[in-house]
Amino acid sequence: MATIGWLWLAAAVWDGELSEALMPAMEGGLSVGSGALVFAMWVAMVFAMMLPTAAPTFRAYADNAGIGAVALMAGYTAVWLVVSLLATAVQVWLVHLGALAPHMAPAGIALSASILIAAGIYQFTPLKWACLVRCRNPRVADAEGEMAGMFRIGLEEGLACLGCCWAMMAVMFAAGLMNLAAMALLGVLMGLEKLVSGVRTTYFLGVLLILAGVILASGLVIR
């Protein structure tokens, strides 16, 4: 699924017709077709960025629950499908406000700087740490054999992952939604954050994000 996501995103970048279809003017309203295409972009993005970071969690449950892990993965994926729908709505809203250009890049530095600083601050919050601890420590002992129970655990893991990573995902609004290099970098950083122990990596990333936002807002770097 992650591979399909990356292939779809790469096609969207390199295929001129698909790129144009993904960049509707939107000022006159979003059609069902263009809205579905933007939603597909977000689904591909969360598959590409988030599923690899959850691979160790999936493996831990698969070793303990066997085929029941499929239901768990379905629950996890369901959370990020809802996030994709919400992100589509946010993208359309930002375009209508003029903060995001129809070609999916920030219209000015205010949005980018604000997102970077907010994402950096979130790295130091108790909620971030609580969700990160859950992501690092799958509760395989709670795994139940029935599919309904495993799906529920998948929802819990997905919500924990969302609480851990939503701010880093939001950085894509600052970097440009079709910036494949930013997607890959953020995906690696989120995966690394889940693998290492302690808070040093989390705090380090928070400091970097805040500094990047401050530097961007100061005008020292021209986007």
N, C-alpha and C. Protein backbone atom coordinates (compact mmCIF):
# COMPACT_ATOMS: atom_id res chain seq x y z
N MET A 1 0.83 -1.21 0.00
CA MET A 1 0.00 0.00 0.00
C MET A 1 0.86 1.26 0.00
N ALA A 2 1.96 1.22 0.75
CA ALA A 2 2.87 2.37 0.75
C ALA A 2 3.51 2.55 -0.62
N THR A 3 3.87 1.43 -1.25
CA THR A 3 4.47 1.50 -2.58
C THR A 3 3.48 2.09 -3.59
N ILE A 4 2.23 1.66 -3.51
CA ILE A 4 1.20 2.21 -4.40
C ILE A 4 1.07 3.72 -4.18
N GLY A 5 1.12 4.13 -2.91
CA GLY A 5 1.03 5.55 -2.61
C GLY A 5 2.16 6.34 -3.24
N TRP A 6 3.39 5.84 -3.11
CA TRP A 6 4.54 6.53 -3.70
C TRP A 6 4.46 6.56 -5.23
N LEU A 7 4.02 5.46 -5.83
CA LEU A 7 3.91 5.43 -7.29
C LEU A 7 2.85 6.41 -7.78
N TRP A 8 1.74 6.51 -7.07
CA TRP A 8 0.68 7.44 -7.46
C TRP A 8 1.17 8.88 -7.35
N LEU A 9 1.87 9.19 -6.25
CA LEU A 9 2.39 10.55 -6.06
C LEU A 9 3.43 10.90 -7.12
N ALA A 10 4.30 9.94 -7.43
CA ALA A 10 5.30 10.19 -8.47
C ALA A 10 4.64 10.43 -9.82
N ALA A 11 3.58 9.67 -10.10
CA ALA A 11 2.85 9.87 -11.35
C ALA A 11 2.19 11.23 -11.39
N ALA A 12 1.68 11.67 -10.22
CA ALA A 12 1.03 12.98 -10.16
C ALA A 12 2.02 14.10 -10.42
N VAL A 13 3.27 13.92 -9.99
CA VAL A 13 4.29 14.95 -10.19
C VAL A 13 4.76 14.99 -11.64
N TRP A 14 4.94 13.81 -12.22
CA TRP A 14 5.54 13.74 -13.56
C TRP A 14 4.53 13.77 -14.69
N ASP A 15 3.29 13.40 -14.41
CA ASP A 15 2.25 13.41 -15.44
C ASP A 15 1.61 14.80 -15.49
N GLY A 16 1.82 15.52 -16.57
CA GLY A 16 1.31 16.88 -16.68
C GLY A 16 -0.19 16.97 -16.57
N GLU A 17 -0.91 16.05 -17.20
CA GLU A 17 -2.38 16.09 -17.16
C GLU A 17 -2.90 15.83 -15.75
N LEU A 18 -2.28 14.89 -15.05
CA LEU A 18 -2.72 14.60 -13.69
C LEU A 18 -2.39 15.76 -12.77
N SER A 19 -1.23 16.39 -12.97
CA SER A 19 -0.86 17.55 -12.16
C SER A 19 -1.85 18.68 -12.34
N GLU A 20 -2.25 18.93 -13.59
CA GLU A 20 -3.22 19.99 -13.85
C GLU A 20 -4.57 19.67 -13.22
N ALA A 21 -4.95 18.39 -13.25
CA ALA A 21 -6.22 17.98 -12.66
C ALA A 21 -6.21 18.17 -11.14
N LEU A 22 -5.01 18.04 -10.54
CA LEU A 22 -4.89 18.19 -9.10
C LEU A 22 -4.82 19.65 -8.66
N MET A 23 -4.74 20.57 -9.61
CA MET A 23 -4.59 21.98 -9.28
C MET A 23 -5.74 22.80 -9.82
N PRO A 24 -6.97 22.47 -9.43
CA PRO A 24 -8.12 23.23 -9.91
C PRO A 24 -8.10 24.64 -9.35
N ALA A 25 -8.71 25.57 -10.07
CA ALA A 25 -8.74 26.95 -9.59
C ALA A 25 -9.48 27.07 -8.27
N MET A 26 -10.55 26.30 -8.11
CA MET A 26 -11.31 26.19 -6.86
C MET A 26 -12.05 27.46 -6.47
N GLU A 27 -11.73 28.61 -7.07
CA GLU A 27 -12.42 29.82 -6.67
C GLU A 27 -13.93 29.72 -6.90
N GLY A 28 -14.33 29.00 -7.93
CA GLY A 28 -15.75 28.88 -8.23
C GLY A 28 -16.39 27.69 -7.57
N GLY A 29 -15.70 27.02 -6.70
CA GLY A 29 -16.26 25.85 -6.03
C GLY A 29 -15.56 24.58 -6.49
N LEU A 30 -15.55 23.60 -5.64
CA LEU A 30 -14.84 22.35 -5.91
C LEU A 30 -15.83 21.32 -6.42
N SER A 31 -15.55 20.78 -7.60
CA SER A 31 -16.41 19.75 -8.17
C SER A 31 -16.18 18.42 -7.46
N VAL A 32 -17.12 17.52 -7.64
CA VAL A 32 -16.99 16.20 -7.02
C VAL A 32 -15.76 15.48 -7.54
N GLY A 33 -15.53 15.59 -8.85
CA GLY A 33 -14.38 14.92 -9.45
C GLY A 33 -13.05 15.43 -8.93
N SER A 34 -12.89 16.76 -8.89
CA SER A 34 -11.62 17.32 -8.42
C SER A 34 -11.45 17.09 -6.92
N GLY A 35 -12.56 17.11 -6.18
CA GLY A 35 -12.49 16.82 -4.75
C GLY A 35 -12.05 15.39 -4.49
N ALA A 36 -12.57 14.46 -5.29
CA ALA A 36 -12.17 13.06 -5.15
C ALA A 36 -10.70 12.88 -5.49
N LEU A 37 -10.22 13.64 -6.45
CA LEU A 37 -8.81 13.53 -6.85
C LEU A 37 -7.89 14.06 -5.75
N VAL A 38 -8.29 15.18 -5.12
CA VAL A 38 -7.50 15.72 -4.00
C VAL A 38 -7.51 14.74 -2.83
N PHE A 39 -8.68 14.13 -2.58
CA PHE A 39 -8.76 13.12 -1.52
C PHE A 39 -7.84 11.94 -1.83
N ALA A 40 -7.81 11.52 -3.10
CA ALA A 40 -6.92 10.42 -3.49
C ALA A 40 -5.46 10.79 -3.26
N MET A 41 -5.12 12.07 -3.50
CA MET A 41 -3.76 12.52 -3.25
C MET A 41 -3.40 12.37 -1.78
N TRP A 42 -4.33 12.76 -0.90
CA TRP A 42 -4.06 12.66 0.53
C TRP A 42 -3.99 11.20 0.99
N VAL A 43 -4.83 10.35 0.43
CA VAL A 43 -4.75 8.93 0.77
C VAL A 43 -3.39 8.37 0.37
N ALA A 44 -2.95 8.71 -0.85
CA ALA A 44 -1.63 8.25 -1.30
C ALA A 44 -0.53 8.77 -0.38
N MET A 45 -0.69 10.03 0.07
CA MET A 45 0.33 10.64 0.92
C MET A 45 0.41 9.94 2.28
N VAL A 46 -0.73 9.68 2.91
CA VAL A 46 -0.68 9.04 4.22
C VAL A 46 -0.24 7.58 4.09
N PHE A 47 -0.61 6.91 3.01
CA PHE A 47 -0.11 5.56 2.81
C PHE A 47 1.42 5.58 2.68
N ALA A 48 1.93 6.51 1.87
CA ALA A 48 3.37 6.57 1.60
C ALA A 48 4.16 6.95 2.84
N MET A 49 3.62 7.87 3.64
CA MET A 49 4.38 8.41 4.77
C MET A 49 4.16 7.64 6.07
N MET A 50 2.91 7.21 6.33
CA MET A 50 2.59 6.68 7.65
C MET A 50 2.68 5.17 7.76
N LEU A 51 2.30 4.44 6.73
CA LEU A 51 2.31 2.97 6.85
C LEU A 51 3.71 2.42 7.12
N PRO A 52 4.78 2.93 6.47
CA PRO A 52 6.11 2.40 6.80
C PRO A 52 6.49 2.64 8.26
N THR A 53 6.05 3.77 8.84
CA THR A 53 6.41 4.04 10.24
C THR A 53 5.70 3.08 11.19
N ALA A 54 4.59 2.50 10.74
CA ALA A 54 3.83 1.58 11.59
C ALA A 54 4.22 0.12 11.36
N ALA A 55 5.15 -0.14 10.45
CA ALA A 55 5.52 -1.52 10.13
C ALA A 55 5.97 -2.31 11.36
N PRO A 56 6.83 -1.74 12.24
CA PRO A 56 7.21 -2.51 13.44
C PRO A 56 6.03 -2.86 14.32
N THR A 57 5.06 -1.94 14.43
CA THR A 57 3.86 -2.22 15.23
C THR A 57 3.05 -3.34 14.61
N PHE A 58 2.86 -3.28 13.29
CA PHE A 58 2.12 -4.34 12.60
C PHE A 58 2.80 -5.69 12.81
N ARG A 59 4.11 -5.70 12.71
CA ARG A 59 4.85 -6.96 12.86
C ARG A 59 4.71 -7.52 14.27
N ALA A 60 4.75 -6.64 15.26
CA ALA A 60 4.63 -7.09 16.65
C ALA A 60 3.28 -7.76 16.89
N TYR A 61 2.21 -7.17 16.37
CA TYR A 61 0.89 -7.77 16.54
C TYR A 61 0.74 -9.03 15.70
N ALA A 62 1.34 -9.05 14.51
CA ALA A 62 1.25 -10.22 13.64
C ALA A 62 1.92 -11.43 14.29
N ASP A 63 3.04 -11.17 14.97
CA ASP A 63 3.73 -12.26 15.65
C ASP A 63 2.89 -12.84 16.78
N ASN A 64 2.02 -12.01 17.36
CA ASN A 64 1.24 -12.44 18.52
C ASN A 64 -0.17 -12.89 18.15
N ALA A 65 -0.77 -12.21 17.14
CA ALA A 65 -2.18 -12.46 16.83
C ALA A 65 -2.40 -13.12 15.47
N GLY A 66 -1.35 -13.31 14.71
CA GLY A 66 -1.49 -13.97 13.41
C GLY A 66 -2.36 -13.20 12.46
N ILE A 67 -3.34 -13.90 11.86
CA ILE A 67 -4.19 -13.31 10.83
C ILE A 67 -5.05 -12.17 11.38
N GLY A 68 -5.23 -12.13 12.70
CA GLY A 68 -6.00 -11.05 13.30
C GLY A 68 -5.36 -9.69 13.09
N ALA A 69 -4.05 -9.67 12.81
CA ALA A 69 -3.35 -8.41 12.57
C ALA A 69 -3.89 -7.70 11.34
N VAL A 70 -4.52 -8.45 10.42
CA VAL A 70 -5.12 -7.82 9.24
C VAL A 70 -6.23 -6.87 9.66
N ALA A 71 -7.06 -7.29 10.62
CA ALA A 71 -8.11 -6.42 11.12
C ALA A 71 -7.52 -5.21 11.84
N LEU A 72 -6.42 -5.43 12.55
CA LEU A 72 -5.75 -4.31 13.21
C LEU A 72 -5.26 -3.29 12.19
N MET A 73 -4.65 -3.76 11.11
CA MET A 73 -4.16 -2.86 10.07
C MET A 73 -5.31 -2.11 9.41
N ALA A 74 -6.45 -2.78 9.29
CA ALA A 74 -7.63 -2.13 8.73
C ALA A 74 -8.11 -0.99 9.63
N GLY A 75 -8.09 -1.22 10.94
CA GLY A 75 -8.48 -0.19 11.89
C GLY A 75 -7.52 0.99 11.85
N TYR A 76 -6.24 0.70 11.79
CA TYR A 76 -5.22 1.75 11.70
C TYR A 76 -5.41 2.57 10.43
N THR A 77 -5.61 1.89 9.32
CA THR A 77 -5.79 2.57 8.04
C THR A 77 -7.05 3.42 8.02
N ALA A 78 -8.12 2.94 8.69
CA ALA A 78 -9.37 3.68 8.72
C ALA A 78 -9.19 5.06 9.36
N VAL A 79 -8.37 5.12 10.40
CA VAL A 79 -8.10 6.41 11.06
C VAL A 79 -7.47 7.38 10.07
N TRP A 80 -6.50 6.91 9.30
CA TRP A 80 -5.80 7.81 8.38
C TRP A 80 -6.63 8.13 7.15
N LEU A 81 -7.59 7.29 6.81
CA LEU A 81 -8.53 7.64 5.73
C LEU A 81 -9.41 8.82 6.16
N VAL A 82 -9.84 8.81 7.41
CA VAL A 82 -10.62 9.94 7.93
C VAL A 82 -9.75 11.20 7.96
N VAL A 83 -8.49 11.05 8.35
CA VAL A 83 -7.56 12.19 8.35
C VAL A 83 -7.41 12.74 6.93
N SER A 84 -7.35 11.85 5.94
CA SER A 84 -7.23 12.29 4.55
C SER A 84 -8.44 13.13 4.14
N LEU A 85 -9.62 12.71 4.58
CA LEU A 85 -10.83 13.46 4.27
C LEU A 85 -10.80 14.85 4.91
N LEU A 86 -10.38 14.90 6.17
CA LEU A 86 -10.28 16.19 6.86
C LEU A 86 -9.22 17.08 6.22
N ALA A 87 -8.09 16.49 5.83
CA ALA A 87 -7.02 17.26 5.20
C ALA A 87 -7.48 17.84 3.86
N THR A 88 -8.30 17.08 3.13
CA THR A 88 -8.85 17.59 1.88
C THR A 88 -9.70 18.83 2.13
N ALA A 89 -10.53 18.77 3.17
CA ALA A 89 -11.37 19.92 3.51
C ALA A 89 -10.52 21.12 3.92
N VAL A 90 -9.47 20.88 4.71
CA VAL A 90 -8.58 21.96 5.13
C VAL A 90 -7.88 22.59 3.92
N GLN A 91 -7.45 21.76 2.98
CA GLN A 91 -6.78 22.27 1.80
C GLN A 91 -7.70 23.18 0.99
N VAL A 92 -8.93 22.75 0.77
CA VAL A 92 -9.90 23.56 0.03
C VAL A 92 -10.16 24.88 0.76
N TRP A 93 -10.30 24.80 2.09
CA TRP A 93 -10.54 25.99 2.90
C TRP A 93 -9.39 26.98 2.78
N LEU A 94 -8.14 26.48 2.85
CA LEU A 94 -6.97 27.36 2.75
C LEU A 94 -6.87 28.00 1.37
N VAL A 95 -7.24 27.26 0.33
CA VAL A 95 -7.23 27.82 -1.01
C VAL A 95 -8.24 28.96 -1.11
N HIS A 96 -9.42 28.76 -0.57
CA HIS A 96 -10.45 29.79 -0.62
C HIS A 96 -10.05 31.02 0.19
N LEU A 97 -9.28 30.81 1.27
CA LEU A 97 -8.82 31.93 2.07
C LEU A 97 -7.68 32.68 1.38
N GLY A 98 -7.07 32.05 0.40
CA GLY A 98 -5.94 32.66 -0.27
C GLY A 98 -4.61 32.36 0.38
N ALA A 99 -4.61 31.52 1.42
CA ALA A 99 -3.37 31.17 2.11
C ALA A 99 -2.59 30.08 1.39
N LEU A 100 -3.31 29.31 0.58
CA LEU A 100 -2.68 28.23 -0.18
C LEU A 100 -3.02 28.40 -1.64
N ALA A 101 -2.01 28.41 -2.49
CA ALA A 101 -2.23 28.58 -3.92
C ALA A 101 -2.87 27.32 -4.48
N PRO A 102 -3.62 27.44 -5.58
CA PRO A 102 -4.24 26.26 -6.18
C PRO A 102 -3.22 25.19 -6.57
N HIS A 103 -1.95 25.59 -6.81
CA HIS A 103 -0.95 24.58 -7.16
C HIS A 103 -0.34 23.94 -5.91
N MET A 104 -1.01 24.15 -4.75
CA MET A 104 -0.73 23.43 -3.52
C MET A 104 0.56 23.84 -2.82
N ALA A 105 1.02 25.05 -3.07
CA ALA A 105 2.15 25.62 -2.35
C ALA A 105 1.64 26.81 -1.55
N PRO A 106 2.25 27.14 -0.40
CA PRO A 106 1.79 28.29 0.39
C PRO A 106 1.84 29.57 -0.43
N ALA A 107 0.83 30.42 -0.26
CA ALA A 107 0.76 31.68 -0.99
C ALA A 107 1.69 32.74 -0.38
N GLY A 108 2.17 32.53 0.82
CA GLY A 108 3.08 33.47 1.47
C GLY A 108 3.80 32.77 2.61
N ILE A 109 4.68 33.52 3.27
CA ILE A 109 5.49 32.91 4.33
C ILE A 109 4.73 32.78 5.65
N ALA A 110 3.64 33.53 5.82
CA ALA A 110 2.92 33.51 7.09
C ALA A 110 2.42 32.11 7.44
N LEU A 111 1.80 31.44 6.45
CA LEU A 111 1.28 30.09 6.70
C LEU A 111 2.42 29.12 7.01
N SER A 112 3.46 29.15 6.19
CA SER A 112 4.58 28.21 6.38
C SER A 112 5.24 28.40 7.73
N ALA A 113 5.55 29.66 8.08
CA ALA A 113 6.22 29.94 9.35
C ALA A 113 5.36 29.53 10.53
N SER A 114 4.06 29.81 10.46
CA SER A 114 3.15 29.48 11.56
C SER A 114 3.07 27.97 11.77
N ILE A 115 2.98 27.22 10.68
CA ILE A 115 2.89 25.76 10.78
C ILE A 115 4.17 25.18 11.36
N LEU A 116 5.32 25.66 10.90
CA LEU A 116 6.59 25.14 11.40
C LEU A 116 6.75 25.41 12.89
N ILE A 117 6.44 26.62 13.33
CA ILE A 117 6.58 26.95 14.75
C ILE A 117 5.59 26.14 15.59
N ALA A 118 4.34 26.03 15.13
CA ALA A 118 3.34 25.26 15.87
C ALA A 118 3.74 23.79 15.97
N ALA A 119 4.24 23.23 14.87
CA ALA A 119 4.67 21.83 14.87
C ALA A 119 5.85 21.63 15.82
N GLY A 120 6.75 22.61 15.86
CA GLY A 120 7.89 22.52 16.77
C GLY A 120 7.47 22.56 18.22
N ILE A 121 6.54 23.46 18.55
CA ILE A 121 6.06 23.56 19.93
C ILE A 121 5.36 22.27 20.36
N TYR A 122 4.61 21.66 19.44
CA TYR A 122 3.89 20.43 19.77
C TYR A 122 4.84 19.30 20.18
N GLN A 123 6.06 19.33 19.68
CA GLN A 123 7.03 18.29 20.02
C GLN A 123 7.34 18.25 21.52
N PHE A 124 7.05 19.33 22.24
CA PHE A 124 7.38 19.41 23.66
C PHE A 124 6.16 19.19 24.56
N THR A 125 5.02 18.84 23.99
CA THR A 125 3.81 18.71 24.79
C THR A 125 3.65 17.31 25.38
N PRO A 126 2.95 17.20 26.52
CA PRO A 126 2.69 15.88 27.12
C PRO A 126 1.90 14.96 26.19
N LEU A 127 0.97 15.51 25.41
CA LEU A 127 0.20 14.67 24.49
C LEU A 127 1.10 14.01 23.46
N LYS A 128 2.05 14.77 22.93
CA LYS A 128 3.00 14.19 21.97
C LYS A 128 3.75 13.03 22.61
N TRP A 129 4.23 13.23 23.82
CA TRP A 129 5.01 12.19 24.48
C TRP A 129 4.16 10.96 24.79
N ALA A 130 2.93 11.18 25.24
CA ALA A 130 2.05 10.05 25.56
C ALA A 130 1.76 9.22 24.33
N CYS A 131 1.48 9.88 23.21
CA CYS A 131 1.19 9.15 21.97
C CYS A 131 2.44 8.44 21.46
N LEU A 132 3.59 9.08 21.60
CA LEU A 132 4.83 8.47 21.14
C LEU A 132 5.16 7.22 21.94
N VAL A 133 4.92 7.28 23.25
CA VAL A 133 5.16 6.10 24.09
C VAL A 133 4.27 4.95 23.65
N ARG A 134 3.01 5.23 23.33
CA ARG A 134 2.10 4.16 22.86
C ARG A 134 2.58 3.59 21.54
N CYS A 135 3.06 4.46 20.64
CA CYS A 135 3.54 3.98 19.35
C CYS A 135 4.77 3.09 19.50
N ARG A 136 5.60 3.43 20.46
CA ARG A 136 6.83 2.66 20.68
C ARG A 136 6.59 1.35 21.41
N ASN A 137 5.46 1.24 22.10
CA ASN A 137 5.19 0.06 22.93
C ASN A 137 3.83 -0.53 22.60
N PRO A 138 3.73 -1.27 21.50
CA PRO A 138 2.44 -1.91 21.14
C PRO A 138 1.97 -2.83 22.27
N ARG A 139 0.69 -2.79 22.54
CA ARG A 139 0.13 -3.60 23.62
C ARG A 139 -0.28 -4.97 23.07
N VAL A 140 0.71 -5.73 22.70
CA VAL A 140 0.43 -7.03 22.07
C VAL A 140 -0.25 -7.99 23.05
N ALA A 141 -0.06 -7.77 24.34
CA ALA A 141 -0.70 -8.65 25.32
C ALA A 141 -2.21 -8.48 25.31
N ASP A 142 -2.69 -7.32 24.80
CA ASP A 142 -4.13 -7.07 24.74
C ASP A 142 -4.77 -7.60 23.46
N ALA A 143 -3.93 -8.11 22.56
CA ALA A 143 -4.44 -8.57 21.28
C ALA A 143 -5.42 -9.72 21.48
N GLU A 144 -6.58 -9.58 20.86
CA GLU A 144 -7.62 -10.60 20.97
C GLU A 144 -7.73 -11.35 19.65
N GLY A 145 -8.17 -12.58 19.74
CA GLY A 145 -8.26 -13.39 18.54
C GLY A 145 -9.35 -12.95 17.58
N GLU A 146 -10.46 -12.39 18.11
CA GLU A 146 -11.57 -12.01 17.24
C GLU A 146 -11.25 -10.74 16.46
N MET A 147 -11.80 -10.67 15.25
CA MET A 147 -11.50 -9.58 14.35
C MET A 147 -11.97 -8.23 14.90
N ALA A 148 -13.15 -8.21 15.53
CA ALA A 148 -13.68 -6.95 16.05
C ALA A 148 -12.75 -6.34 17.09
N GLY A 149 -12.23 -7.18 17.97
CA GLY A 149 -11.30 -6.70 18.99
C GLY A 149 -10.01 -6.17 18.39
N MET A 150 -9.50 -6.87 17.38
CA MET A 150 -8.27 -6.43 16.73
C MET A 150 -8.49 -5.13 15.95
N PHE A 151 -9.67 -4.99 15.35
CA PHE A 151 -9.98 -3.74 14.64
C PHE A 151 -10.00 -2.57 15.62
N ARG A 152 -10.57 -2.80 16.81
CA ARG A 152 -10.61 -1.75 17.83
C ARG A 152 -9.20 -1.36 18.25
N ILE A 153 -8.35 -2.34 18.45
CA ILE A 153 -6.96 -2.04 18.81
C ILE A 153 -6.28 -1.27 17.68
N GLY A 154 -6.61 -1.63 16.44
CA GLY A 154 -6.06 -0.90 15.30
C GLY A 154 -6.47 0.56 15.31
N LEU A 155 -7.73 0.82 15.68
CA LEU A 155 -8.19 2.20 15.80
C LEU A 155 -7.40 2.94 16.88
N GLU A 156 -7.15 2.25 18.00
CA GLU A 156 -6.39 2.88 19.08
C GLU A 156 -4.96 3.18 18.63
N GLU A 157 -4.35 2.23 17.93
CA GLU A 157 -2.99 2.46 17.44
C GLU A 157 -2.97 3.59 16.41
N GLY A 158 -4.00 3.64 15.57
CA GLY A 158 -4.07 4.71 14.58
C GLY A 158 -4.22 6.08 15.23
N LEU A 159 -5.05 6.17 16.27
CA LEU A 159 -5.23 7.43 16.98
C LEU A 159 -3.95 7.84 17.70
N ALA A 160 -3.24 6.87 18.27
CA ALA A 160 -1.96 7.17 18.91
C ALA A 160 -0.96 7.69 17.89
N CYS A 161 -0.94 7.05 16.72
CA CYS A 161 -0.04 7.48 15.65
C CYS A 161 -0.42 8.88 15.16
N LEU A 162 -1.72 9.14 15.08
CA LEU A 162 -2.18 10.47 14.69
C LEU A 162 -1.73 11.52 15.69
N GLY A 163 -1.90 11.22 16.98
CA GLY A 163 -1.45 12.15 18.01
C GLY A 163 0.03 12.37 18.00
N CYS A 164 0.77 11.36 17.58
CA CYS A 164 2.22 11.45 17.51
C CYS A 164 2.69 12.25 16.29
N CYS A 165 2.00 12.10 15.17
CA CYS A 165 2.54 12.57 13.89
C CYS A 165 1.76 13.66 13.17
N TRP A 166 0.60 14.06 13.68
CA TRP A 166 -0.23 15.00 12.91
C TRP A 166 0.49 16.32 12.64
N ALA A 167 1.25 16.80 13.62
CA ALA A 167 1.93 18.09 13.43
C ALA A 167 3.01 17.99 12.36
N MET A 168 3.74 16.87 12.35
CA MET A 168 4.76 16.67 11.31
C MET A 168 4.10 16.53 9.94
N MET A 169 2.94 15.88 9.89
CA MET A 169 2.22 15.79 8.62
C MET A 169 1.77 17.17 8.16
N ALA A 170 1.37 18.01 9.10
CA ALA A 170 0.91 19.36 8.75
C ALA A 170 2.02 20.19 8.12
N VAL A 171 3.26 19.83 8.39
CA VAL A 171 4.39 20.55 7.79
C VAL A 171 4.34 20.47 6.26
N MET A 172 3.65 19.46 5.72
CA MET A 172 3.52 19.37 4.27
C MET A 172 2.80 20.58 3.70
N PHE A 173 1.91 21.20 4.47
CA PHE A 173 1.25 22.42 4.01
C PHE A 173 2.27 23.55 3.86
N ALA A 174 3.32 23.51 4.68
CA ALA A 174 4.35 24.54 4.61
C ALA A 174 5.36 24.25 3.52
N ALA A 175 5.64 22.97 3.30
CA ALA A 175 6.67 22.59 2.34
C ALA A 175 6.15 22.52 0.91
N GLY A 176 4.83 22.43 0.75
CA GLY A 176 4.24 22.21 -0.58
C GLY A 176 3.73 20.78 -0.64
N LEU A 177 2.45 20.62 -0.94
CA LEU A 177 1.82 19.31 -0.79
C LEU A 177 2.34 18.26 -1.75
N MET A 178 2.94 18.68 -2.86
CA MET A 178 3.47 17.70 -3.81
C MET A 178 5.00 17.67 -3.80
N ASN A 179 5.58 18.05 -2.69
CA ASN A 179 7.04 18.03 -2.53
C ASN A 179 7.45 16.63 -2.08
N LEU A 180 7.86 15.81 -3.04
CA LEU A 180 8.19 14.41 -2.73
C LEU A 180 9.39 14.30 -1.79
N ALA A 181 10.36 15.21 -1.95
CA ALA A 181 11.54 15.17 -1.08
C ALA A 181 11.14 15.43 0.37
N ALA A 182 10.24 16.40 0.58
CA ALA A 182 9.77 16.69 1.94
C ALA A 182 8.99 15.52 2.50
N MET A 183 8.17 14.87 1.66
CA MET A 183 7.43 13.69 2.12
C MET A 183 8.37 12.60 2.60
N ALA A 184 9.39 12.34 1.80
CA ALA A 184 10.34 11.27 2.15
C ALA A 184 11.08 11.62 3.43
N LEU A 185 11.54 12.87 3.55
CA LEU A 185 12.29 13.28 4.74
C LEU A 185 11.42 13.20 5.98
N LEU A 186 10.22 13.73 5.92
CA LEU A 186 9.33 13.70 7.07
C LEU A 186 8.96 12.26 7.45
N GLY A 187 8.73 11.42 6.44
CA GLY A 187 8.43 10.02 6.71
C GLY A 187 9.56 9.33 7.45
N VAL A 188 10.79 9.59 7.02
CA VAL A 188 11.97 9.00 7.69
C VAL A 188 12.08 9.51 9.12
N LEU A 189 11.88 10.81 9.32
CA LEU A 189 11.99 11.39 10.66
C LEU A 189 10.93 10.84 11.60
N MET A 190 9.70 10.69 11.11
CA MET A 190 8.64 10.15 11.96
C MET A 190 8.91 8.69 12.30
N GLY A 191 9.42 7.94 11.33
CA GLY A 191 9.76 6.55 11.61
C GLY A 191 10.90 6.43 12.59
N LEU A 192 11.92 7.29 12.44
CA LEU A 192 13.07 7.28 13.35
C LEU A 192 12.65 7.64 14.76
N GLU A 193 11.75 8.59 14.87
CA GLU A 193 11.28 9.04 16.18
C GLU A 193 10.60 7.90 16.93
N LYS A 194 9.92 7.02 16.21
CA LYS A 194 9.24 5.90 16.86
C LYS A 194 10.20 4.78 17.24
N LEU A 195 11.33 4.70 16.57
CA LEU A 195 12.26 3.60 16.80
C LEU A 195 13.23 3.87 17.94
N VAL A 196 13.67 5.13 18.08
CA VAL A 196 14.65 5.44 19.12
C VAL A 196 13.95 5.59 20.45
N SER A 197 14.72 5.55 21.53
CA SER A 197 14.15 5.71 22.87
C SER A 197 14.45 7.13 23.38
N GLY A 198 13.73 7.50 24.44
CA GLY A 198 13.96 8.81 25.03
C GLY A 198 13.30 9.93 24.26
N VAL A 199 13.58 11.16 24.71
CA VAL A 199 12.95 12.35 24.12
C VAL A 199 13.93 13.23 23.35
N ARG A 200 15.19 12.86 23.30
CA ARG A 200 16.17 13.75 22.67
C ARG A 200 15.85 14.00 21.21
N THR A 201 15.54 12.95 20.48
CA THR A 201 15.23 13.11 19.06
C THR A 201 13.99 13.97 18.88
N THR A 202 12.97 13.73 19.69
CA THR A 202 11.73 14.50 19.60
C THR A 202 11.98 15.98 19.88
N TYR A 203 12.73 16.27 20.94
CA TYR A 203 13.02 17.66 21.29
C TYR A 203 13.93 18.32 20.24
N PHE A 204 14.87 17.55 19.71
CA PHE A 204 15.77 18.08 18.68
C PHE A 204 14.98 18.50 17.45
N LEU A 205 14.05 17.65 17.03
CA LEU A 205 13.21 17.98 15.89
C LEU A 205 12.34 19.20 16.19
N GLY A 206 11.86 19.30 17.44
CA GLY A 206 11.07 20.46 17.82
C GLY A 206 11.86 21.75 17.71
N VAL A 207 13.10 21.72 18.18
CA VAL A 207 13.96 22.91 18.09
C VAL A 207 14.22 23.28 16.62
N LEU A 208 14.49 22.28 15.80
CA LEU A 208 14.74 22.54 14.37
C LEU A 208 13.52 23.17 13.70
N LEU A 209 12.35 22.65 13.99
CA LEU A 209 11.12 23.18 13.38
C LEU A 209 10.87 24.62 13.82
N ILE A 210 11.06 24.90 15.11
CA ILE A 210 10.85 26.26 15.60
C ILE A 210 11.86 27.22 14.97
N LEU A 211 13.12 26.80 14.91
CA LEU A 211 14.15 27.64 14.29
C LEU A 211 13.84 27.90 12.82
N ALA A 212 13.40 26.85 12.12
CA ALA A 212 13.06 27.02 10.70
C ALA A 212 11.92 28.01 10.53
N GLY A 213 10.92 27.92 11.40
CA GLY A 213 9.80 28.86 11.32
C GLY A 213 10.21 30.28 11.62
N VAL A 214 11.04 30.46 12.65
CA VAL A 214 11.50 31.81 13.02
C VAL A 214 12.35 32.40 11.91
N ILE A 215 13.26 31.61 11.36
CA ILE A 215 14.12 32.10 10.28
C ILE A 215 13.30 32.48 9.06
N LEU A 216 12.30 31.65 8.74
CA LEU A 216 11.44 31.95 7.60
C LEU A 216 10.64 33.23 7.84
N ALA A 217 10.11 33.38 9.05
CA ALA A 217 9.32 34.57 9.36
C ALA A 217 10.17 35.84 9.38
N SER A 218 11.46 35.68 9.73
CA SER A 218 12.33 36.85 9.80
C SER A 218 12.71 37.42 8.45
N GLY A 219 12.51 36.63 7.41
CA GLY A 219 12.85 37.08 6.06
C GLY A 219 14.28 36.81 5.68
N LEU A 220 15.03 36.09 6.54
CA LEU A 220 16.41 35.79 6.22
C LEU A 220 16.53 34.81 5.06
N VAL A 221 15.47 34.00 4.89
CA VAL A 221 15.42 33.06 3.79
C VAL A 221 14.24 33.42 2.91
N ILE A 222 14.47 33.57 1.62
CA ILE A 222 13.43 33.90 0.67
C ILE A 222 12.94 32.62 0.04
N ARG A 223 11.64 32.34 0.19
CA ARG A 223 11.08 31.12 -0.39
C ARG A 223 10.85 31.33 -1.87
